[in-house]
């Protein structure tokens, strides 16, 4: 019953918010076009429920040079992109992923496909549910957390998920987004890449 209710709520609120925020998304798209050029949207294949790939959509916030070897992409973030990331406006197109059923409002964040080969067996359980726009790890610290902490919280959410917990996470997300907390690591870098041996247990 929980999953059916959650999916209905995701669809109803996803459609409602998408329609309400169309003016903001159009304005943002125009800004990206004029300040950073094309493409306006960033599409990347991410693993969803059951590790099934889907194309996640966001506003583009980075320039095109290749990713740094250590995974730190802070140097690629544009001036406008930094604002969009801090305000989470770059995530608004992902509401379409929620409407389609690729994602949910609450769940583990969808990460890179290449990480599927790196996760421990314990952390692979994060793909037993739909990924979310926000989640337990996001309200607990986001990129200020280590990979172990983030992935542990993802699995913890799966073990205790309920509509009440989802509502609490949504509420805390609404409080935290304006604070800009956890967008980058303490040193200003974006989150380092997940590598073999990250889980020392």
Foldseek 3Di string as FASTA:
>chain_A
DQVVVQLVVLQVVLVVVLVVCVVVVVVQLVCCCVPPNDDQKDWDWFQWAVRNTDIAIFGDQFDDDDADPQRWRLVGGDPVSVVCLLLVVRRSVRSVVSNVPQAGQEAAATDHSVCCVADDPLLNCSNNHGHHPWYPLRLVAALQDQPVVSSVRRSVCVVPPGVVVVVVRVVSCVVCSVVSGRSDYPVSTRRTDRDHPSDVD
